[in-house]
All heavy atoms as atom14 arrays in JSON, in Angstrom:
{
  "sequence": "LAKAAQRFEELEALRDELRARRQQATQELAEVKQTGKEAAIEVRS",
  "atom14_mask": [
    [1, 1, 1, 1, 1, 1, 1, 1, 0, 0, 0, 0, 0, 0],
    [1, 1, 1, 1, 1, 0, 0, 0, 0, 0, 0, 0, 0, 0],
    [1, 1, 1, 1, 1, 1, 1, 1, 1, 0, 0, 0, 0, 0],
    [1, 1, 1, 1, 1, 0, 0, 0, 0, 0, 0, 0, 0, 0],
    [1, 1, 1, 1, 1, 0, 0, 0, 0, 0, 0, 0, 0, 0],
    [1, 1, 1, 1, 1, 1, 1, 1, 1, 0, 0, 0, 0, 0],
    [1, 1, 1, 1, 1, 1, 1, 1, 1, 1, 1, 0, 0, 0],
    [1, 1, 1, 1, 1, 1, 1, 1, 1, 1, 1, 0, 0, 0],
    [1, 1, 1, 1, 1, 1, 1, 1, 1, 0, 0, 0, 0, 0],
    [1, 1, 1, 1, 1, 1, 1, 1, 1, 0, 0, 0, 0, 0],
    [1, 1, 1, 1, 1, 1, 1, 1, 0, 0, 0, 0, 0, 0],
    [1, 1, 1, 1, 1, 1, 1, 1, 1, 0, 0, 0, 0, 0],
    [1, 1, 1, 1, 1, 0, 0, 0, 0, 0, 0, 0, 0, 0],
    [1, 1, 1, 1, 1, 1, 1, 1, 0, 0, 0, 0, 0, 0],
    [1, 1, 1, 1, 1, 1, 1, 1, 1, 1, 1, 0, 0, 0],
    [1, 1, 1, 1, 1, 1, 1, 1, 0, 0, 0, 0, 0, 0],
    [1, 1, 1, 1, 1, 1, 1, 1, 1, 0, 0, 0, 0, 0],
    [1, 1, 1, 1, 1, 1, 1, 1, 0, 0, 0, 0, 0, 0],
    [1, 1, 1, 1, 1, 1, 1, 1, 1, 1, 1, 0, 0, 0],
    [1, 1, 1, 1, 1, 0, 0, 0, 0, 0, 0, 0, 0, 0],
    [1, 1, 1, 1, 1, 1, 1, 1, 1, 1, 1, 0, 0, 0],
    [1, 1, 1, 1, 1, 1, 1, 1, 1, 1, 1, 0, 0, 0],
    [1, 1, 1, 1, 1, 1, 1, 1, 1, 0, 0, 0, 0, 0],
    [1, 1, 1, 1, 1, 1, 1, 1, 1, 0, 0, 0, 0, 0],
    [1, 1, 1, 1, 1, 0, 0, 0, 0, 0, 0, 0, 0, 0],
    [1, 1, 1, 1, 1, 1, 1, 0, 0, 0, 0, 0, 0, 0],
    [1, 1, 1, 1, 1, 1, 1, 1, 1, 0, 0, 0, 0, 0],
    [1, 1, 1, 1, 1, 1, 1, 1, 1, 0, 0, 0, 0, 0],
    [1, 1, 1, 1, 1, 1, 1, 1, 0, 0, 0, 0, 0, 0],
    [1, 1, 1, 1, 1, 0, 0, 0, 0, 0, 0, 0, 0, 0],
    [1, 1, 1, 1, 1, 1, 1, 1, 1, 0, 0, 0, 0, 0],
    [1, 1, 1, 1, 1, 1, 1, 0, 0, 0, 0, 0, 0, 0],
    [1, 1, 1, 1, 1, 1, 1, 1, 1, 0, 0, 0, 0, 0],
    [1, 1, 1, 1, 1, 1, 1, 1, 1, 0, 0, 0, 0, 0],
    [1, 1, 1, 1, 1, 1, 1, 0, 0, 0, 0, 0, 0, 0],
    [1, 1, 1, 1, 0, 0, 0, 0, 0, 0, 0, 0, 0, 0],
    [1, 1, 1, 1, 1, 1, 1, 1, 1, 0, 0, 0, 0, 0],
    [1, 1, 1, 1, 1, 1, 1, 1, 1, 0, 0, 0, 0, 0],
    [1, 1, 1, 1, 1, 0, 0, 0, 0, 0, 0, 0, 0, 0],
    [1, 1, 1, 1, 1, 0, 0, 0, 0, 0, 0, 0, 0, 0],
    [1, 1, 1, 1, 1, 1, 1, 1, 0, 0, 0, 0, 0, 0],
    [1, 1, 1, 1, 1, 1, 1, 1, 1, 0, 0, 0, 0, 0],
    [1, 1, 1, 1, 1, 1, 1, 0, 0, 0, 0, 0, 0, 0],
    [1, 1, 1, 1, 1, 1, 1, 1, 1, 1, 1, 0, 0, 0],
    [1, 1, 1, 1, 1, 1, 0, 0, 0, 0, 0, 0, 0, 0]
  ],
  "atom14_positions": [
    [[71.33, 171.12, 79.19], [72.05, 172.02, 78.29], [73.48, 171.54, 78.07], [73.99, 171.57, 76.95], [72.04, 173.45, 78.83], [72.72, 174.5, 77.96], [72.09, 174.55, 76.57], [72.64, 175.87, 78.63], [0.0, 0.0, 0.0], [0.0, 0.0, 0.0], [0.0, 0.0, 0.0], [0.0, 0.0, 0.0], [0.0, 0.0, 0.0], [0.0, 0.0, 0.0]],
    [[74.12, 171.07, 79.14], [75.49, 170.56, 79.02], [75.52, 169.33, 78.11], [76.43, 169.19, 77.27], [76.05, 170.22, 80.4], [0.0, 0.0, 0.0], [0.0, 0.0, 0.0], [0.0, 0.0, 0.0], [0.0, 0.0, 0.0], [0.0, 0.0, 0.0], [0.0, 0.0, 0.0], [0.0, 0.0, 0.0], [0.0, 0.0, 0.0], [0.0, 0.0, 0.0]],
    [[74.54, 168.47, 78.26], [74.45, 167.27, 77.41], [74.23, 167.67, 75.95], [74.85, 167.12, 75.04], [73.32, 166.37, 77.9], [73.27, 165.03, 77.23], [72.19, 164.15, 77.85], [72.13, 162.81, 77.16], [71.09, 161.95, 77.72], [0.0, 0.0, 0.0], [0.0, 0.0, 0.0], [0.0, 0.0, 0.0], [0.0, 0.0, 0.0], [0.0, 0.0, 0.0]],
    [[73.35, 168.63, 75.73], [73.08, 169.11, 74.37], [74.33, 169.75, 73.77], [74.64, 169.53, 72.59], [71.92, 170.09, 74.37], [0.0, 0.0, 0.0], [0.0, 0.0, 0.0], [0.0, 0.0, 0.0], [0.0, 0.0, 0.0], [0.0, 0.0, 0.0], [0.0, 0.0, 0.0], [0.0, 0.0, 0.0], [0.0, 0.0, 0.0], [0.0, 0.0, 0.0]],
    [[75.05, 170.52, 74.56], [76.27, 171.18, 74.08], [77.34, 170.16, 73.72], [78.02, 170.29, 72.69], [76.8, 172.15, 75.13], [0.0, 0.0, 0.0], [0.0, 0.0, 0.0], [0.0, 0.0, 0.0], [0.0, 0.0, 0.0], [0.0, 0.0, 0.0], [0.0, 0.0, 0.0], [0.0, 0.0, 0.0], [0.0, 0.0, 0.0], [0.0, 0.0, 0.0]],
    [[77.46, 169.12, 74.52], [78.44, 168.07, 74.24], [78.07, 167.34, 72.95], [78.92, 167.11, 72.09], [78.52, 167.08, 75.39], [79.51, 165.96, 75.15], [79.53, 164.94, 76.27], [78.81, 165.08, 77.26], [80.36, 163.93, 76.13], [0.0, 0.0, 0.0], [0.0, 0.0, 0.0], [0.0, 0.0, 0.0], [0.0, 0.0, 0.0], [0.0, 0.0, 0.0]],
    [[76.8, 166.97, 72.82], [76.35, 166.28, 71.61], [76.52, 167.17, 70.38], [76.88, 166.7, 69.3], [74.88, 165.85, 71.76], [74.35, 165.06, 70.61], [75.04, 163.72, 70.46], [74.48, 163.0, 69.32], [75.16, 162.18, 68.56], [76.43, 161.93, 68.83], [74.59, 161.58, 67.54], [0.0, 0.0, 0.0], [0.0, 0.0, 0.0], [0.0, 0.0, 0.0]],
    [[76.28, 168.46, 70.54], [76.45, 169.44, 69.47], [77.9, 169.41, 68.97], [78.14, 169.37, 67.77], [76.07, 170.82, 70.0], [76.02, 171.9, 68.97], [74.84, 172.18, 68.29], [77.15, 172.65, 68.67], [74.79, 173.18, 67.34], [77.1, 173.65, 67.72], [75.92, 173.92, 67.05], [0.0, 0.0, 0.0], [0.0, 0.0, 0.0], [0.0, 0.0, 0.0]],
    [[78.84, 169.43, 69.9], [80.26, 169.4, 69.53], [80.63, 168.1, 68.83], [81.4, 168.1, 67.87], [81.14, 169.61, 70.77], [81.1, 171.02, 71.3], [81.92, 171.2, 72.57], [82.52, 170.21, 73.05], [81.97, 172.33, 73.07], [0.0, 0.0, 0.0], [0.0, 0.0, 0.0], [0.0, 0.0, 0.0], [0.0, 0.0, 0.0], [0.0, 0.0, 0.0]],
    [[80.07, 166.98, 69.32], [80.33, 165.68, 68.68], [79.84, 165.67, 67.24], [80.53, 165.18, 66.34], [79.66, 164.55, 69.47], [80.26, 164.28, 70.83], [79.4, 163.35, 71.68], [78.31, 162.94, 71.22], [79.82, 163.04, 72.81], [0.0, 0.0, 0.0], [0.0, 0.0, 0.0], [0.0, 0.0, 0.0], [0.0, 0.0, 0.0], [0.0, 0.0, 0.0]],
    [[78.65, 166.2, 67.03], [78.08, 166.22, 65.69], [78.84, 167.17, 64.77], [78.99, 166.89, 63.57], [76.59, 166.59, 65.75], [75.7, 165.51, 66.38], [74.28, 166.04, 66.56], [75.7, 164.24, 65.55], [0.0, 0.0, 0.0], [0.0, 0.0, 0.0], [0.0, 0.0, 0.0], [0.0, 0.0, 0.0], [0.0, 0.0, 0.0], [0.0, 0.0, 0.0]],
    [[79.31, 168.27, 65.3], [80.12, 169.19, 64.5], [81.42, 168.51, 64.06], [81.84, 168.63, 62.91], [80.46, 170.45, 65.31], [79.36, 171.48, 65.34], [79.22, 172.19, 64.02], [80.19, 172.82, 63.55], [78.13, 172.1, 63.44], [0.0, 0.0, 0.0], [0.0, 0.0, 0.0], [0.0, 0.0, 0.0], [0.0, 0.0, 0.0], [0.0, 0.0, 0.0]],
    [[82.04, 167.76, 64.99], [83.27, 167.04, 64.66], [83.0, 165.97, 63.61], [83.78, 165.79, 62.66], [83.87, 166.41, 65.91], [0.0, 0.0, 0.0], [0.0, 0.0, 0.0], [0.0, 0.0, 0.0], [0.0, 0.0, 0.0], [0.0, 0.0, 0.0], [0.0, 0.0, 0.0], [0.0, 0.0, 0.0], [0.0, 0.0, 0.0], [0.0, 0.0, 0.0]],
    [[81.87, 165.27, 63.76], [81.5, 164.26, 62.78], [81.28, 164.88, 61.41], [81.73, 164.36, 60.39], [80.23, 163.52, 63.24], [79.66, 162.5, 62.26], [80.65, 161.37, 62.01], [78.33, 161.95, 62.78], [0.0, 0.0, 0.0], [0.0, 0.0, 0.0], [0.0, 0.0, 0.0], [0.0, 0.0, 0.0], [0.0, 0.0, 0.0], [0.0, 0.0, 0.0]],
    [[80.61, 166.0, 61.38], [80.35, 166.69, 60.12], [81.65, 167.13, 59.44], [81.82, 166.98, 58.24], [79.44, 167.89, 60.36], [78.89, 168.48, 59.08], [77.82, 169.45, 59.35], [78.39, 170.7, 59.82], [77.75, 171.85, 59.82], [76.51, 171.91, 59.43], [78.33, 172.96, 60.23], [0.0, 0.0, 0.0], [0.0, 0.0, 0.0], [0.0, 0.0, 0.0]],
    [[82.59, 167.63, 60.23], [83.9, 168.02, 59.69], [84.64, 166.81, 59.13], [85.25, 166.88, 58.06], [84.75, 168.72, 60.75], [84.22, 170.09, 61.13], [83.41, 170.65, 60.35], [84.61, 170.59, 62.19], [0.0, 0.0, 0.0], [0.0, 0.0, 0.0], [0.0, 0.0, 0.0], [0.0, 0.0, 0.0], [0.0, 0.0, 0.0], [0.0, 0.0, 0.0]],
    [[84.58, 165.69, 59.87], [85.24, 164.46, 59.41], [84.61, 163.97, 58.1], [85.32, 163.59, 57.16], [85.12, 163.37, 60.47], [85.72, 162.05, 60.05], [85.41, 160.92, 61.01], [85.01, 161.18, 62.15], [85.58, 159.76, 60.59], [0.0, 0.0, 0.0], [0.0, 0.0, 0.0], [0.0, 0.0, 0.0], [0.0, 0.0, 0.0], [0.0, 0.0, 0.0]],
    [[83.29, 163.98, 58.04], [82.61, 163.53, 56.83], [82.91, 164.43, 55.64], [83.04, 163.96, 54.51], [81.1, 163.45, 57.07], [80.64, 162.35, 58.03], [79.15, 162.46, 58.29], [81.0, 160.98, 57.5], [0.0, 0.0, 0.0], [0.0, 0.0, 0.0], [0.0, 0.0, 0.0], [0.0, 0.0, 0.0], [0.0, 0.0, 0.0], [0.0, 0.0, 0.0]],
    [[83.02, 165.73, 55.89], [83.37, 166.67, 54.82], [84.76, 166.34, 54.27], [84.97, 166.31, 53.05], [83.33, 168.1, 55.34], [83.54, 169.15, 54.26], [83.46, 170.57, 54.8], [82.16, 170.86, 55.37], [81.95, 171.25, 56.63], [82.97, 171.4, 57.46], [80.74, 171.5, 57.08], [0.0, 0.0, 0.0], [0.0, 0.0, 0.0], [0.0, 0.0, 0.0]],
    [[85.7, 166.05, 55.18], [87.07, 165.7, 54.75], [87.07, 164.38, 53.99], [87.75, 164.25, 52.96], [87.99, 165.62, 55.97], [0.0, 0.0, 0.0], [0.0, 0.0, 0.0], [0.0, 0.0, 0.0], [0.0, 0.0, 0.0], [0.0, 0.0, 0.0], [0.0, 0.0, 0.0], [0.0, 0.0, 0.0], [0.0, 0.0, 0.0], [0.0, 0.0, 0.0]],
    [[86.31, 163.41, 54.47], [86.24, 162.12, 53.78], [85.59, 162.26, 52.41], [85.99, 161.59, 51.45], [85.47, 161.11, 54.64], [86.25, 160.68, 55.88], [85.49, 159.73, 56.75], [85.13, 158.52, 56.01], [84.24, 157.65, 56.45], [83.62, 157.85, 57.59], [83.95, 156.57, 55.75], [0.0, 0.0, 0.0], [0.0, 0.0, 0.0], [0.0, 0.0, 0.0]],
    [[84.61, 163.13, 52.3], [83.96, 163.36, 51.02], [84.95, 163.96, 50.01], [84.99, 163.57, 48.85], [82.76, 164.28, 51.19], [82.05, 164.54, 49.88], [80.86, 165.44, 50.08], [80.25, 165.69, 48.78], [79.48, 166.71, 48.52], [79.19, 167.57, 49.45], [78.97, 166.87, 47.33], [0.0, 0.0, 0.0], [0.0, 0.0, 0.0], [0.0, 0.0, 0.0]],
    [[85.74, 164.92, 50.47], [86.73, 165.53, 49.59], [87.75, 164.49, 49.12], [88.12, 164.45, 47.94], [87.45, 166.68, 50.31], [86.59, 167.91, 50.49], [87.28, 168.98, 51.3], [88.32, 168.75, 51.92], [86.7, 170.17, 51.32], [0.0, 0.0, 0.0], [0.0, 0.0, 0.0], [0.0, 0.0, 0.0], [0.0, 0.0, 0.0], [0.0, 0.0, 0.0]],
    [[88.16, 163.63, 50.04], [89.12, 162.59, 49.69], [88.5, 161.62, 48.69], [89.14, 161.24, 47.7], [89.57, 161.83, 50.93], [90.58, 160.74, 50.64], [91.0, 159.99, 51.89], [90.52, 160.27, 52.99], [91.88, 159.03, 51.74], [0.0, 0.0, 0.0], [0.0, 0.0, 0.0], [0.0, 0.0, 0.0], [0.0, 0.0, 0.0], [0.0, 0.0, 0.0]],
    [[87.25, 161.23, 48.91], [86.56, 160.32, 47.99], [86.41, 160.96, 46.61], [86.56, 160.28, 45.59], [85.2, 159.93, 48.56], [0.0, 0.0, 0.0], [0.0, 0.0, 0.0], [0.0, 0.0, 0.0], [0.0, 0.0, 0.0], [0.0, 0.0, 0.0], [0.0, 0.0, 0.0], [0.0, 0.0, 0.0], [0.0, 0.0, 0.0], [0.0, 0.0, 0.0]],
    [[86.13, 162.25, 46.57], [85.99, 162.95, 45.3], [87.31, 162.94, 44.53], [87.33, 162.72, 43.31], [85.51, 164.39, 45.53], [84.25, 164.36, 46.2], [85.37, 165.16, 44.23], [0.0, 0.0, 0.0], [0.0, 0.0, 0.0], [0.0, 0.0, 0.0], [0.0, 0.0, 0.0], [0.0, 0.0, 0.0], [0.0, 0.0, 0.0], [0.0, 0.0, 0.0]],
    [[88.4, 163.16, 45.23], [89.72, 163.13, 44.58], [90.04, 161.74, 44.06], [90.52, 161.58, 42.93], [90.81, 163.59, 45.56], [90.73, 165.06, 45.9], [91.68, 165.45, 47.02], [92.32, 164.6, 47.63], [91.76, 166.75, 47.28], [0.0, 0.0, 0.0], [0.0, 0.0, 0.0], [0.0, 0.0, 0.0], [0.0, 0.0, 0.0], [0.0, 0.0, 0.0]],
    [[89.76, 160.71, 44.87], [90.02, 159.34, 44.44], [89.13, 158.96, 43.27], [89.56, 158.26, 42.35], [89.81, 158.36, 45.6], [90.88, 158.44, 46.66], [90.66, 157.45, 47.79], [90.07, 156.38, 47.55], [91.09, 157.76, 48.91], [0.0, 0.0, 0.0], [0.0, 0.0, 0.0], [0.0, 0.0, 0.0], [0.0, 0.0, 0.0], [0.0, 0.0, 0.0]],
    [[87.9, 159.42, 43.29], [86.97, 159.15, 42.2], [87.49, 159.74, 40.89], [87.43, 159.09, 39.84], [85.59, 159.72, 42.53], [84.46, 159.46, 41.55], [84.2, 157.96, 41.44], [83.2, 160.17, 41.99], [0.0, 0.0, 0.0], [0.0, 0.0, 0.0], [0.0, 0.0, 0.0], [0.0, 0.0, 0.0], [0.0, 0.0, 0.0], [0.0, 0.0, 0.0]],
    [[88.02, 160.93, 40.94], [88.58, 161.56, 39.74], [89.78, 160.77, 39.22], [89.93, 160.58, 38.01], [88.99, 163.01, 40.04], [0.0, 0.0, 0.0], [0.0, 0.0, 0.0], [0.0, 0.0, 0.0], [0.0, 0.0, 0.0], [0.0, 0.0, 0.0], [0.0, 0.0, 0.0], [0.0, 0.0, 0.0], [0.0, 0.0, 0.0], [0.0, 0.0, 0.0]],
    [[90.62, 160.27, 40.13], [91.77, 159.48, 39.72], [91.33, 158.17, 39.07], [91.87, 157.77, 38.03], [92.67, 159.19, 40.93], [93.37, 160.41, 41.47], [94.07, 160.14, 42.8], [94.08, 158.97, 43.26], [94.6, 161.1, 43.39], [0.0, 0.0, 0.0], [0.0, 0.0, 0.0], [0.0, 0.0, 0.0], [0.0, 0.0, 0.0], [0.0, 0.0, 0.0]],
    [[90.36, 157.5, 39.68], [89.86, 156.24, 39.13], [89.19, 156.47, 37.79], [89.34, 155.67, 36.86], [88.89, 155.56, 40.14], [88.16, 154.4, 39.5], [89.65, 155.1, 41.37], [0.0, 0.0, 0.0], [0.0, 0.0, 0.0], [0.0, 0.0, 0.0], [0.0, 0.0, 0.0], [0.0, 0.0, 0.0], [0.0, 0.0, 0.0], [0.0, 0.0, 0.0]],
    [[88.47, 157.56, 37.67], [87.82, 157.89, 36.4], [88.85, 158.06, 35.3], [88.67, 157.56, 34.19], [86.98, 159.16, 36.55], [86.22, 159.55, 35.32], [85.4, 160.81, 35.55], [84.72, 161.26, 34.29], [84.0, 162.53, 34.47], [0.0, 0.0, 0.0], [0.0, 0.0, 0.0], [0.0, 0.0, 0.0], [0.0, 0.0, 0.0], [0.0, 0.0, 0.0]],
    [[89.93, 158.76, 35.59], [90.99, 158.97, 34.59], [91.65, 157.64, 34.22], [91.88, 157.37, 33.05], [92.03, 159.96, 35.11], [93.11, 160.29, 34.12], [92.58, 160.94, 32.85], [91.62, 161.68, 32.87], [93.21, 160.62, 31.74], [0.0, 0.0, 0.0], [0.0, 0.0, 0.0], [0.0, 0.0, 0.0], [0.0, 0.0, 0.0], [0.0, 0.0, 0.0]],
    [[91.93, 156.8, 35.21], [92.54, 155.5, 34.95], [91.61, 154.64, 34.09], [92.05, 154.01, 33.13], [92.83, 154.77, 36.28], [93.7, 155.59, 37.07], [93.48, 153.42, 36.04], [0.0, 0.0, 0.0], [0.0, 0.0, 0.0], [0.0, 0.0, 0.0], [0.0, 0.0, 0.0], [0.0, 0.0, 0.0], [0.0, 0.0, 0.0], [0.0, 0.0, 0.0]],
    [[90.33, 154.63, 34.42], [89.35, 153.87, 33.65], [89.21, 154.39, 32.23], [89.09, 153.61, 31.28], [0.0, 0.0, 0.0], [0.0, 0.0, 0.0], [0.0, 0.0, 0.0], [0.0, 0.0, 0.0], [0.0, 0.0, 0.0], [0.0, 0.0, 0.0], [0.0, 0.0, 0.0], [0.0, 0.0, 0.0], [0.0, 0.0, 0.0], [0.0, 0.0, 0.0]],
    [[89.26, 155.7, 32.08], [89.15, 156.31, 30.75], [90.32, 155.88, 29.88], [90.14, 155.51, 28.7], [89.12, 157.84, 30.9], [88.9, 158.59, 29.62], [88.82, 160.08, 29.91], [88.62, 160.88, 28.64], [88.54, 162.32, 28.9], [0.0, 0.0, 0.0], [0.0, 0.0, 0.0], [0.0, 0.0, 0.0], [0.0, 0.0, 0.0], [0.0, 0.0, 0.0]],
    [[91.52, 155.89, 30.44], [92.7, 155.47, 29.69], [92.62, 153.98, 29.33], [92.96, 153.59, 28.21], [93.96, 155.77, 30.5], [94.25, 157.25, 30.63], [95.34, 157.56, 31.65], [95.91, 156.61, 32.24], [95.62, 158.76, 31.86], [0.0, 0.0, 0.0], [0.0, 0.0, 0.0], [0.0, 0.0, 0.0], [0.0, 0.0, 0.0], [0.0, 0.0, 0.0]],
    [[92.16, 153.16, 30.27], [92.03, 151.72, 30.0], [90.99, 151.47, 28.91], [91.18, 150.6, 28.05], [91.65, 150.99, 31.29], [0.0, 0.0, 0.0], [0.0, 0.0, 0.0], [0.0, 0.0, 0.0], [0.0, 0.0, 0.0], [0.0, 0.0, 0.0], [0.0, 0.0, 0.0], [0.0, 0.0, 0.0], [0.0, 0.0, 0.0], [0.0, 0.0, 0.0]],
    [[89.88, 152.21, 28.93], [88.84, 152.05, 27.91], [89.38, 152.41, 26.53], [89.08, 151.73, 25.54], [87.63, 152.92, 28.25], [0.0, 0.0, 0.0], [0.0, 0.0, 0.0], [0.0, 0.0, 0.0], [0.0, 0.0, 0.0], [0.0, 0.0, 0.0], [0.0, 0.0, 0.0], [0.0, 0.0, 0.0], [0.0, 0.0, 0.0], [0.0, 0.0, 0.0]],
    [[90.19, 153.45, 26.45], [90.81, 153.83, 25.18], [91.7, 152.71, 24.67], [91.67, 152.35, 23.48], [91.6, 155.16, 25.33], [90.64, 156.32, 25.53], [92.52, 155.39, 24.13], [91.32, 157.62, 25.94], [0.0, 0.0, 0.0], [0.0, 0.0, 0.0], [0.0, 0.0, 0.0], [0.0, 0.0, 0.0], [0.0, 0.0, 0.0], [0.0, 0.0, 0.0]],
    [[92.49, 152.11, 25.56], [93.37, 151.02, 25.17], [92.58, 149.81, 24.7], [92.92, 149.18, 23.7], [94.28, 150.65, 26.34], [95.3, 151.74, 26.66], [96.03, 151.5, 27.97], [95.75, 150.49, 28.66], [96.88, 152.33, 28.31], [0.0, 0.0, 0.0], [0.0, 0.0, 0.0], [0.0, 0.0, 0.0], [0.0, 0.0, 0.0], [0.0, 0.0, 0.0]],
    [[91.5, 149.46, 25.43], [90.67, 148.32, 25.05], [90.05, 148.56, 23.68], [90.04, 147.68, 22.81], [89.58, 148.06, 26.12], [88.53, 147.1, 25.61], [90.21, 147.53, 27.4], [0.0, 0.0, 0.0], [0.0, 0.0, 0.0], [0.0, 0.0, 0.0], [0.0, 0.0, 0.0], [0.0, 0.0, 0.0], [0.0, 0.0, 0.0], [0.0, 0.0, 0.0]],
    [[89.52, 149.75, 23.46], [88.91, 150.06, 22.16], [89.94, 149.99, 21.03], [89.65, 149.52, 19.93], [88.25, 151.43, 22.21], [86.95, 151.43, 22.98], [86.23, 152.77, 22.86], [84.97, 152.71, 23.58], [84.73, 153.3, 24.75], [85.68, 154.02, 25.33], [83.56, 153.19, 25.34], [0.0, 0.0, 0.0], [0.0, 0.0, 0.0], [0.0, 0.0, 0.0]],
    [[91.14, 150.45, 21.31], [92.19, 150.42, 20.31], [92.51, 148.97, 19.93], [92.66, 148.63, 18.75], [93.43, 151.11, 20.84], [94.49, 151.01, 19.93], [0.0, 0.0, 0.0], [0.0, 0.0, 0.0], [0.0, 0.0, 0.0], [0.0, 0.0, 0.0], [0.0, 0.0, 0.0], [0.0, 0.0, 0.0], [0.0, 0.0, 0.0], [0.0, 0.0, 0.0]]
  ]
}
């Protein structure tokens, strides 16, 4: 039970870290999308 509880806490921490990394990636993706959109407009022009 102690081993399971410890692993449970590790996985919860990992899940929280991955959630934070996903949010960061989503924000960066939006920034890159905007930059690419502006560059595409310039290229087309």
